[in-house]
Protein backbone atom coordinates (compact mmCIF):
# COMPACT_ATOMS: atom_id res chain seq x y z
CA MET A 1 108.81 122.55 109.17
CA LYS A 2 110.17 121.19 105.53
CA LEU A 3 108.04 121.17 102.64
CA LEU A 4 108.76 118.02 101.17
CA TRP A 5 109.38 114.83 103.03
CA ASN A 6 112.33 113.64 101.02
CA GLU A 7 113.36 116.78 99.21
CA GLU A 8 116.36 115.52 97.07
CA ILE A 9 113.94 112.38 95.69
CA GLU A 10 110.92 114.21 95.17
CA THR A 11 112.87 117.28 93.33
CA LEU A 12 115.23 114.72 90.91
CA SER A 13 116.02 116.19 87.41
CA ALA A 14 115.02 114.10 84.57
CA GLY A 15 118.43 112.95 83.94
CA ALA A 16 119.11 112.13 87.58
CA LEU A 17 116.14 109.92 87.68
CA THR A 18 116.98 108.54 84.73
CA ARG A 19 120.69 107.20 85.95
CA LEU A 20 119.28 106.72 89.51
CA GLU A 21 116.32 104.03 88.05
CA SER A 22 119.09 102.64 85.28
CA GLU A 23 121.72 101.94 88.09
CA ARG A 24 118.92 99.91 90.55
CA LEU A 25 117.47 98.37 87.51
CA GLN A 26 121.11 97.04 86.72
CA GLU A 27 121.38 95.75 90.32
CA GLN A 28 117.57 94.02 90.74
CA LEU A 29 117.25 92.28 87.43
CA PRO A 30 120.64 89.99 87.85
CA TYR A 31 119.18 89.67 92.05
CA ASN A 32 116.13 88.04 90.24
CA PHE A 33 118.21 85.86 88.22
CA ALA A 34 120.52 84.48 90.81
CA SER A 35 117.58 84.09 93.02
CA SER A 36 114.54 82.47 91.66
CA SER A 37 114.44 79.84 88.93
CA PHE A 38 110.82 81.68 87.93
CA TYR A 39 112.68 84.58 86.82
CA ARG A 40 115.52 82.44 85.06
CA ALA A 41 113.01 80.78 83.27
CA ARG A 42 111.55 83.97 81.79
CA PHE A 43 114.90 85.47 81.00
CA GLU A 44 115.85 82.21 78.90
CA ALA A 45 112.52 82.21 77.24
CA ALA A 46 112.90 85.76 76.31
CA GLY A 47 116.55 84.80 74.81
CA VAL A 48 117.48 87.94 77.10
CA LYS A 49 120.54 87.78 79.92
CA PRO A 50 119.80 90.43 82.96
CA GLU A 51 123.08 92.37 81.91
CA GLU A 52 121.52 93.15 78.92
CA ILE A 53 118.67 95.10 80.38
CA ARG A 54 120.10 98.55 81.08
CA SER A 55 117.07 101.03 81.08
CA ARG A 56 113.31 101.53 80.87
CA GLU A 57 113.93 101.38 77.44
CA ASP A 58 115.38 97.94 77.41
CA LEU A 59 112.31 96.33 79.68
CA PRO A 60 109.79 95.83 76.42
CA ARG A 61 112.40 92.53 75.74
CA LEU A 62 110.99 91.24 78.92
CA PRO A 63 107.85 89.31 79.17
CA PHE A 64 104.65 90.62 80.80
CA MET A 65 103.75 89.30 84.67
CA GLU A 66 100.19 89.10 85.92
CA LYS A 67 99.11 88.68 89.52
CA SER A 68 97.09 85.55 88.46
CA GLU A 69 100.41 83.91 87.95
CA LEU A 70 101.85 84.82 91.76
CA ALA A 71 98.52 83.65 93.02
CA SER A 72 98.06 80.54 91.69
CA SER A 73 102.00 79.64 92.38
CA GLN A 74 101.18 79.58 96.11
CA LEU A 75 98.05 77.18 95.66
CA ASP A 76 100.72 74.28 96.26
CA GLY A 77 101.07 75.55 99.68
CA SER A 78 104.61 77.04 99.11
CA LEU A 79 104.38 80.25 101.35
CA ILE A 80 105.15 83.25 98.92
CA GLY A 81 105.36 81.30 95.52
CA VAL A 82 107.44 81.46 92.44
CA ASN A 83 108.75 85.09 93.16
CA GLN A 84 110.50 84.88 96.28
CA CYS A 85 114.03 85.84 96.24
CA ALA A 86 115.21 86.03 99.53
CA ALA A 87 115.64 83.37 102.11
CA LEU A 88 112.96 82.74 104.80
CA GLU A 89 115.79 84.06 107.62
CA ASP A 90 115.39 87.10 106.04
CA ILE A 91 111.74 87.75 105.91
CA VAL A 92 110.21 89.35 108.71
CA ARG A 93 106.75 90.17 107.58
CA VAL A 94 104.14 88.25 105.44
CA GLN A 95 100.94 89.92 104.45
CA ALA A 96 98.78 89.76 101.48
CA THR A 97 96.64 91.27 98.81
CA GLY A 98 93.82 90.19 96.57
CA GLY A 99 94.67 87.57 94.16
CA THR A 100 92.37 86.56 91.39
CA THR A 101 91.90 82.95 92.34
CA GLY A 102 89.73 83.63 95.43
CA ARG A 103 92.12 83.66 98.01
CA PRO A 104 94.68 86.31 99.24
CA MET A 105 97.81 86.25 97.63
CA ARG A 106 100.77 86.37 100.20
CA ILE A 107 103.81 88.97 100.13
CA ALA A 108 106.59 88.75 102.40
CA LEU A 109 108.63 91.76 102.98
CA THR A 110 112.56 92.13 104.56
CA ARG A 111 113.46 94.48 106.97
CA ARG A 112 114.77 96.62 104.08
CA ASP A 113 111.60 95.92 102.20
CA ILE A 114 109.83 97.19 105.10
CA ALA A 115 112.02 100.65 105.16
CA ASP A 116 111.34 101.53 101.88
CA TYR A 117 108.02 100.57 101.94
CA ASN A 118 107.36 103.34 104.92
CA GLU A 119 109.84 105.75 103.30
CA MET A 120 107.30 105.70 100.34
CA GLY A 121 104.38 106.14 102.56
CA ALA A 122 105.84 109.21 104.53
CA ARG A 123 106.47 110.77 100.90
CA ALA A 124 102.91 109.95 99.93
CA LEU A 125 101.13 111.17 103.39
CA TRP A 126 103.20 114.25 103.74
CA ALA A 127 102.40 115.43 100.13
CA ALA A 128 98.70 114.74 101.29
CA GLY A 129 99.02 116.78 103.92
CA CYS A 130 100.10 114.52 107.08
CA ARG A 131 102.05 116.15 109.91
CA PRO A 132 103.80 115.26 113.19
CA GLY A 133 101.47 116.10 115.42
CA ASP A 134 98.43 114.77 113.62
CA ILE A 135 96.26 112.25 115.26
CA VAL A 136 95.27 109.66 112.94
CA PHE A 137 92.66 106.76 113.33
CA GLU A 138 93.45 103.97 111.00
CA CYS A 139 91.00 102.61 109.84
CA MET A 140 91.94 99.60 107.38
CA ASN A 141 92.00 96.25 107.79
CA TYR A 142 94.79 95.16 109.80
CA ASN A 143 94.19 91.16 108.92
CA LEU A 144 96.76 90.45 106.70
CA TYR A 145 96.04 93.51 104.11
CA ALA A 146 98.69 95.89 103.69
CA GLY A 147 96.67 99.02 104.50
CA GLY A 148 96.41 98.30 107.91
CA LEU A 149 100.00 97.53 109.55
CA SER A 150 101.78 98.36 106.95
CA ASP A 151 100.35 101.78 106.10
CA HIS A 152 100.33 102.25 109.77
CA MET A 153 103.84 101.94 110.31
CA ALA A 154 103.93 104.59 107.39
CA PHE A 155 102.44 107.13 109.57
CA GLU A 156 104.56 106.50 112.55
CA THR A 157 107.74 106.90 110.18
CA LEU A 158 106.12 110.55 109.35
CA GLY A 159 105.73 111.19 112.85
CA ALA A 160 101.98 111.42 113.62
CA ALA A 161 100.25 109.92 116.41
CA THR A 162 98.60 106.69 115.12
CA ILE A 163 95.64 104.51 116.64
CA PRO A 164 95.15 101.37 115.22
CA PHE A 165 91.53 101.27 114.84
CA GLY A 166 91.04 99.09 111.92
CA VAL A 167 87.68 98.34 110.83
CA GLY A 168 84.35 97.43 112.82
CA ASN A 169 83.20 98.83 115.86
CA THR A 170 82.03 102.09 113.93
CA ARG A 171 79.70 102.88 116.90
CA ASN A 172 82.95 102.76 119.05
CA LEU A 173 85.10 104.78 116.51
CA LEU A 174 82.79 107.93 116.84
CA GLU A 175 82.58 107.60 120.23
CA MET A 176 86.10 107.63 120.70
CA MET A 177 86.68 110.79 118.24
CA THR A 178 84.23 112.86 120.15
CA GLN A 179 85.85 112.04 123.40
CA ILE A 180 89.27 113.59 122.36
CA ASP A 181 89.34 117.19 122.64
CA GLN A 182 91.55 117.79 119.58
CA ASP A 183 91.13 117.85 115.83
CA VAL A 184 91.39 114.26 114.76
CA ALA A 185 92.56 112.80 111.20
CA MET A 186 91.42 109.38 109.20
CA TRP A 187 93.22 106.90 107.38
CA SER A 188 90.24 104.61 105.57
CA THR A 189 88.62 104.05 102.25
CA PRO A 190 86.40 107.16 101.09
CA SER A 191 83.09 104.90 101.24
CA TYR A 192 84.03 104.46 104.95
CA ALA A 193 83.70 107.94 105.29
CA VAL A 194 79.97 107.92 103.55
CA ARG A 195 79.24 105.10 106.01
CA LEU A 196 80.72 106.73 109.30
CA ALA A 197 78.44 109.67 108.32
CA GLU A 198 75.53 107.19 108.12
CA VAL A 199 76.16 105.81 111.00
CA ALA A 200 76.65 109.63 112.77
CA ALA A 201 73.17 110.34 111.71
CA GLN A 202 71.80 106.91 113.42
CA MET A 203 73.82 108.44 116.76
CA GLU A 204 72.52 111.80 116.18
CA ILE A 205 75.87 113.24 116.06
CA ASN A 206 76.29 116.00 113.56
CA PRO A 207 79.79 115.10 111.93
CA ARG A 208 81.10 118.46 111.70
CA ASP A 209 81.29 118.02 115.55
CA VAL A 210 83.05 115.52 115.52
CA GLY A 211 86.14 117.55 114.86
CA LEU A 212 87.57 114.71 111.95
CA ARG A 213 89.47 118.01 109.95
CA LYS A 214 91.62 115.49 107.91
CA GLY A 215 91.11 112.66 105.79
CA PHE A 216 93.21 110.36 103.68
CA PHE A 217 91.44 108.20 101.69
CA SER A 218 92.98 105.11 99.30
CA GLY A 219 91.85 101.75 98.24
CA GLU A 220 89.42 102.82 95.83
CA ALA A 221 89.22 105.04 93.17
CA GLY A 222 86.58 108.21 92.72
CA MET A 223 88.06 110.92 95.13
CA GLN A 224 89.08 112.70 91.64
CA VAL A 225 85.46 111.97 90.27
CA ALA A 226 83.30 115.56 90.53
CA GLY A 227 80.93 115.69 93.41
CA TYR A 228 82.09 112.85 95.45
CA ARG A 229 85.02 114.52 97.27
CA GLU A 230 82.85 117.58 98.06
CA ARG A 231 80.50 114.99 99.33
CA ILE A 232 82.55 113.99 101.73
CA GLU A 233 84.11 117.53 102.76
CA ASP A 234 81.40 119.27 103.15
CA THR A 235 80.06 116.34 105.23
CA TRP A 236 82.20 116.23 108.03
CA GLY A 237 83.90 119.78 107.37
CA LEU A 238 87.89 118.65 106.41
CA ARG A 239 90.21 118.44 104.11
CA SER A 240 90.96 115.31 102.01
CA GLY A 241 94.13 113.64 100.14
CA ASP A 242 93.66 111.13 97.50
CA LEU A 243 96.26 108.32 98.02
CA TYR A 244 97.03 105.96 95.43
CA GLY A 245 98.68 102.50 96.13
CA ALA A 246 99.76 99.04 95.44
CA GLY A 247 100.33 96.69 98.27
CA GLU A 248 102.38 93.98 96.43
CA LEU A 249 104.73 96.83 95.41
CA GLY A 250 104.71 98.85 98.59
CA MET A 251 104.19 101.87 96.39
CA HIS A 252 102.46 104.71 97.69
CA CYS A 253 101.48 108.24 95.99
CA GLY A 254 99.70 111.14 97.10
CA GLU A 255 98.28 114.08 96.04
CA CYS A 256 100.07 117.72 97.29
CA GLU A 257 97.64 120.78 97.87
CA GLN A 258 97.37 121.71 94.36
CA ARG A 259 95.13 118.70 93.60
CA ASP A 260 96.41 118.36 89.63
CA GLY A 261 96.74 114.51 90.00
CA VAL A 262 98.57 112.36 92.09
CA HIS A 263 102.33 112.51 92.78
CA TYR A 264 104.08 109.26 92.10
CA GLY A 265 105.59 108.71 95.05
CA ALA A 266 107.94 105.27 94.53
CA THR A 267 110.99 106.89 93.00
CA GLY A 268 114.09 104.90 93.05
CA PHE A 269 111.95 101.78 94.27
CA VAL A 270 109.67 101.05 91.52
CA LEU A 271 110.06 101.53 87.52
CA THR A 272 106.39 102.56 86.13
CA GLU A 273 106.04 102.19 82.30
CA LEU A 274 102.89 103.24 80.60
CA ILE A 275 101.49 100.81 77.70
CA ASN A 276 98.45 100.49 75.37
CA PRO A 277 96.58 97.92 77.07
CA GLU A 278 95.07 96.84 73.99
CA THR A 279 98.29 96.32 71.73
CA THR A 280 100.60 95.95 75.22
CA GLU A 281 103.33 98.77 72.93
CA PRO A 282 104.99 101.10 74.90
CA VAL A 283 103.34 104.38 75.52
CA PRO A 284 105.75 107.60 75.83
CA PHE A 285 105.29 109.45 79.31
CA THR A 286 104.43 112.71 77.83
CA ASP A 287 102.04 115.34 79.34
CA GLY A 288 98.37 114.03 78.98
CA ALA A 289 99.41 110.72 77.50
CA SER A 290 96.68 107.70 78.82
CA GLY A 291 97.61 103.91 79.34
CA GLU A 292 97.98 101.04 81.44
CA PHE A 293 100.82 101.20 84.39
CA VAL A 294 103.27 98.36 84.31
CA TYR A 295 105.65 97.76 87.21
CA THR A 296 109.26 96.83 88.07
CA SER A 297 110.72 96.48 91.38
CA ILE A 298 114.20 98.18 91.36
CA ARG A 299 114.60 98.03 95.17
CA ARG A 300 113.06 95.05 96.50
CA GLN A 301 114.58 91.74 98.22
CA ALA A 302 111.62 89.50 99.22
CA SER A 303 109.00 89.42 96.31
CA PRO A 304 110.02 91.45 93.62
CA LEU A 305 107.94 92.05 90.39
CA MET A 306 109.19 92.28 87.17
CA ARG A 307 106.86 93.71 84.40
CA MET A 308 103.60 93.25 86.21
CA ARG A 309 100.63 94.69 84.67
CA SER A 310 98.48 96.40 87.13
CA HIS A 311 95.36 97.25 84.68
CA ASP A 312 95.31 100.52 86.15
CA LEU A 313 94.37 102.55 83.46
CA MET A 314 96.19 106.24 84.07
CA GLN A 315 96.37 109.79 82.38
CA VAL A 316 100.15 110.98 83.18
CA PHE A 317 100.89 115.15 83.73
CA THR A 318 104.80 115.60 83.44
CA GLU A 319 104.89 119.36 83.50
CA ALA A 320 106.07 121.10 86.90
CA CYS A 321 103.86 121.18 89.73
CA ALA A 322 103.86 124.62 91.77
CA CYS A 323 104.08 122.52 94.92
CA GLY A 324 107.86 122.20 93.84
CA ARG A 325 107.93 118.42 93.18
CA SER A 326 109.22 116.88 90.13
CA THR A 327 107.66 113.70 90.16
CA PHE A 328 105.13 112.72 87.33
CA ARG A 329 101.10 112.86 88.20
CA PHE A 330 98.53 111.17 87.17
CA ARG A 331 95.18 110.45 87.61
CA ILE A 332 93.06 106.84 87.76
CA LEU A 333 90.71 106.76 84.79
CA GLY A 334 89.83 103.13 85.38
CA ARG A 335 90.59 99.62 85.12
CA SER A 336 90.77 97.37 82.47
CA ASP A 337 89.48 94.41 83.89
CA ASP A 338 86.50 96.25 85.40
CA MET A 339 85.62 97.56 81.68
CA PHE A 340 82.61 95.74 80.33
CA ILE A 341 81.51 95.93 77.16
CA VAL A 342 77.42 96.33 76.39
CA LYS A 343 76.67 95.65 72.70
CA GLY A 344 79.87 97.32 71.46
CA VAL A 345 80.66 100.19 74.05
CA ASN A 346 83.39 100.08 76.62
CA VAL A 347 82.37 100.95 80.11
CA PHE A 348 83.96 101.92 83.02
CA PRO A 349 82.82 101.98 86.23
CA LEU A 350 84.38 105.11 87.47
CA ALA A 351 82.71 107.04 84.46
CA VAL A 352 79.26 105.84 85.43
CA GLN A 353 80.01 107.30 88.74
CA ALA A 354 80.64 110.86 87.84
CA THR A 355 77.16 110.28 86.21
CA ILE A 356 75.43 109.18 89.21
CA THR A 357 77.31 111.48 91.55
CA GLY A 358 76.01 114.18 89.34
CA SER A 359 72.61 113.62 90.96
CA GLN A 360 73.05 114.55 94.42
CA PRO A 361 71.62 115.13 96.72
CA ARG A 362 68.65 113.00 95.62
CA LEU A 363 71.21 110.25 94.86
CA THR A 364 74.01 109.58 97.49
CA GLY A 365 76.52 108.74 95.19
CA GLU A 366 77.10 105.35 96.43
CA PHE A 367 76.44 102.41 93.36
CA GLN A 368 77.33 98.97 92.45
CA ILE A 369 76.82 97.77 88.82
CA ILE A 370 75.08 94.08 88.39
CA LEU A 371 75.90 91.74 85.56
CA ASP A 372 73.74 89.03 85.91
CA ARG A 373 74.48 86.74 82.82
CA PRO A 374 78.21 86.04 81.19
CA LEU A 375 78.91 87.75 78.01
CA PRO A 376 77.95 88.75 75.26
CA ILE A 377 76.36 91.81 77.81
CA ASP A 378 73.37 91.92 75.17
CA TYR A 379 70.98 92.94 78.25
CA ALA A 380 70.60 96.07 80.25
CA PRO A 381 72.69 95.63 83.29
CA ARG A 382 71.36 96.65 86.28
CA ILE A 383 72.79 99.32 88.58
CA LEU A 384 72.16 99.49 92.06
CA VAL A 385 71.90 103.13 93.07
CA GLU A 386 71.24 104.76 96.92
CA VAL A 387 68.04 107.29 97.21
CA ALA A 388 68.57 109.91 99.58
CA ARG A 389 66.39 108.44 102.89
CA ASP A 390 64.19 112.18 102.33
CA VAL A 391 63.67 111.91 98.92
CA PRO A 392 59.94 110.27 99.36
CA LYS A 393 59.07 107.04 97.45
CA HIS A 394 56.35 108.82 94.86
CA GLY A 395 59.77 110.62 93.12
CA HIS A 396 61.50 107.24 92.83
CA ALA A 397 60.30 106.79 89.51
CA GLU A 398 61.36 109.95 88.57
CA ILE A 399 64.68 109.84 89.18
CA ILE A 400 64.89 105.96 88.00
CA ALA A 401 64.06 107.45 84.61
CA GLU A 402 66.38 110.62 84.83
CA THR A 403 69.40 108.54 85.71
CA GLU A 404 68.72 105.73 83.26
CA ALA A 405 68.58 108.78 80.39
CA ALA A 406 71.72 110.16 81.77
CA ILE A 407 73.63 107.25 81.82
CA ALA A 408 72.25 106.52 77.99
CA LYS A 409 73.15 110.14 77.08
CA ASN A 410 76.56 110.13 78.68
CA HIS A 411 77.89 106.58 78.22
CA ASN A 412 75.74 105.34 75.06
CA PHE A 413 74.33 102.18 76.61
CA THR A 414 71.13 101.11 78.60
CA CYS A 415 70.57 99.90 81.93
CA ALA A 416 68.51 98.87 84.66
CA ILE A 417 68.42 101.41 87.65
CA GLU A 418 67.56 99.97 91.14
CA LEU A 419 66.71 102.32 93.81
CA VAL A 420 68.33 101.19 97.43
CA GLU A 421 67.94 102.40 100.88
CA GLN A 422 70.87 105.14 101.62
CA GLY A 423 73.18 103.21 103.93
CA THR A 424 73.07 99.92 101.97
CA ILE A 425 75.89 100.27 99.56
CA ALA A 426 78.77 101.87 101.46
CA THR A 427 80.37 99.44 104.15
CA GLU A 428 83.44 99.51 106.15
CA LYS A 429 85.70 97.87 103.75
CA LYS A 430 86.17 98.57 100.12
CA THR A 431 83.32 99.26 98.23
CA ARG A 432 82.95 96.87 94.96
CA ARG A 433 81.96 98.92 91.91
CA LEU A 434 81.51 95.84 89.32
CA ILE A 435 79.87 92.75 90.92
CA ARG A 436 79.98 89.57 88.11
CA ALA A 437 77.35 87.92 89.91
CA TYR A 438 77.15 84.93 87.21
CA LEU A 439 80.49 84.45 88.90
CA GLU A 440 78.87 84.11 92.21
CA GLU A 441 80.71 87.57 93.14
CA SER A 442 79.34 89.30 96.08
């Protein structure tokens, strides 16, 4: 069986990659200009003609986009909004991703867009260990979210036998898994694997007896946090694969068996820049460099993006990987819009997770940070933390004191730990690690 899904693309030399990205960029930008008054206005405001942008080095001449611009443009009732570049007759699917207005942001796909999405998904899933013959329970939300239907199609493209289970009915999921006399796999958020184990315990089912031997996880950061992945693998007796995606782009990226960062899977479809999130200046793609990813579609018909800020903070690795792929790898450091400042100290929830996970097994590793009042945060933020159910209550005070001290030592801010029962935080949906309660988030 082949080692890579698309060896030609996934082993491109640096020179060949530059040529491919430049050629497709020179096709995409004139298409955007001709198809959208929104993009024409952006080029004109920047004083740039599409044909003047010939490579990634020219992209800083164009302004950034924010997801909020696109989400807001749909509030007038338009189906897609300002970046619709394909005629409705050519659009065959409409899905949604999280918007900043409190409503889903709709995205559109043509048949070619869907085929490209499937190709990127197959590259990432193959890297993560999915193969034809695998039985995959697809446990993402099929209601608008790209992680449901679109990711299902990526599994089918690869050749896996895919069961569209969706979210909810966790007990029925466990019953069906145990009824199948073969090893199975699952596609879900990592926190759902934690929740599933909780329900298994309630049903007096040993997770290792279920036959779940592969887990493909996306939708949340945390698999790279020491102890979190190990907890999931040890609980189920499975091999996990960490994946990163962006629904508005159709981008998929997956780690290989080396587990040395997630391989970029959108070669030829999305051009990704690295910038300093504070100055917005370009950061060179050199081994170990860190910054925010910025995305530009280079083969998208329906809803292309042009220099859209992701607010995902990454560290990139460009040295050759032993798996044979030449694509760069990256690790998620956090999100700039999840960062909050406590008395001058920058705090990232993903970093806090590493400290909390280090207190297993007394703590489960599940947590949520609650900001009760708006800026400035001159108070001790509450952090809800799940305590293992076998820890006696008389030991809770000690755990609280130790966890508050560890966070103060490791992250230089004071917090107020509140212990909650095991199974309270991890759910069937994405687990939000930061909640701004003063904005009525939940």
